[in-house]
């Protein structure tokens, strides 16, 4: 993970629950990807290996909002 990656709460499609995940991109690249509507990947450590997935449009909107509010 880049040292400036973002940690946030999000629903994991593999676990089907809310988890603490980290962005694969660092903050600067994440801001660019969110602005461009590009793919944003998240990862979290699970009991049986890591889960990694692309955020949905709604998850990206929520993440962008939390970042703008200074919550992540």
Protein backbone atom coordinates (compact mmCIF):
# COMPACT_ATOMS: atom_id res chain seq x y z
CA UNK A 1 0.00 0.00 0.00
CA UNK A 2 1.18 3.52 -0.67
CA UNK A 3 2.05 5.32 2.57
CA UNK A 4 -0.65 7.90 1.89
CA UNK A 5 -3.44 5.38 1.25
CA UNK A 6 -6.82 6.08 2.82
CA UNK A 7 -8.55 3.85 5.39
CA UNK A 8 -12.33 3.98 5.59
CA UNK A 9 -15.41 1.91 6.42
CA UNK A 10 -17.10 0.27 3.45
CA UNK A 11 -19.19 -2.79 2.61
CA UNK A 12 -17.03 -5.69 1.41
CA UNK A 13 -18.78 -7.71 -1.32
CA UNK A 14 -16.95 -10.89 -0.25
CA UNK A 15 -17.76 -10.60 3.47
CA UNK A 16 -21.19 -9.01 2.98
CA UNK A 17 -20.48 -6.72 5.92
CA UNK A 18 -19.04 -3.30 6.76
CA UNK A 19 -15.25 -3.47 7.15
CA UNK A 20 -12.27 -1.18 7.55
CA UNK A 21 -10.62 -1.11 4.13
CA UNK A 22 -7.69 0.73 2.58
CA UNK A 23 -7.45 2.25 -0.86
CA UNK A 24 -4.88 0.75 -3.20
CA UNK A 25 -4.08 4.27 -4.45
CA UNK A 26 -2.37 6.95 -2.40
CA UNK A 27 -4.29 10.14 -1.56
CA UNK A 28 -3.15 12.23 -4.57
CA UNK A 29 -3.87 9.45 -7.10
CA UNK A 30 -7.15 8.68 -5.35
CA UNK A 31 -8.33 12.28 -5.67
CA UNK A 32 -7.52 12.20 -9.40
CA UNK A 33 -9.27 8.85 -9.89
CA UNK A 34 -12.40 10.01 -8.05
CA UNK A 35 -12.53 13.24 -10.08
CA UNK A 36 -12.16 11.30 -13.34
CA UNK A 37 -14.67 8.62 -12.39
CA UNK A 38 -11.92 6.00 -12.79
CA UNK A 39 -11.65 2.61 -11.12
CA UNK A 40 -10.86 2.78 -7.40
CA UNK A 41 -9.83 -0.40 -5.64
CA UNK A 42 -10.06 -1.18 -1.95
CA UNK A 43 -8.52 -3.98 0.10
CA UNK A 44 -8.96 -5.37 3.58
CA UNK A 45 -7.40 -8.18 5.52
CA UNK A 46 -9.83 -11.05 6.01
CA UNK A 47 -9.54 -14.26 8.02
CA UNK A 48 -9.00 -16.24 4.81
CA UNK A 49 -6.74 -14.03 2.67
CA UNK A 50 -7.19 -10.44 1.59
CA UNK A 51 -10.32 -9.19 -0.15
CA UNK A 52 -9.80 -6.67 -2.94
CA UNK A 53 -12.51 -5.13 -5.11
CA UNK A 54 -13.47 -2.11 -7.19
CA UNK A 55 -15.65 0.40 -5.40
CA UNK A 56 -19.15 0.91 -6.75
CA UNK A 57 -20.25 4.30 -8.00
CA UNK A 58 -22.13 4.89 -4.74
CA UNK A 59 -19.11 3.89 -2.64
CA UNK A 60 -16.92 6.32 -4.60
CA UNK A 61 -19.43 9.13 -4.08
CA UNK A 62 -19.52 8.38 -0.33
CA UNK A 63 -15.72 8.26 -0.13
CA UNK A 64 -15.38 11.55 -2.03
CA UNK A 65 -17.91 13.15 0.35
CA UNK A 66 -16.09 11.88 3.46
CA UNK A 67 -12.79 13.14 2.10
CA UNK A 68 -14.30 16.58 1.39
CA UNK A 69 -15.66 16.68 4.95
CA UNK A 70 -12.21 15.78 6.30
CA UNK A 71 -13.46 12.53 7.81
CA UNK A 72 -10.83 10.38 6.05
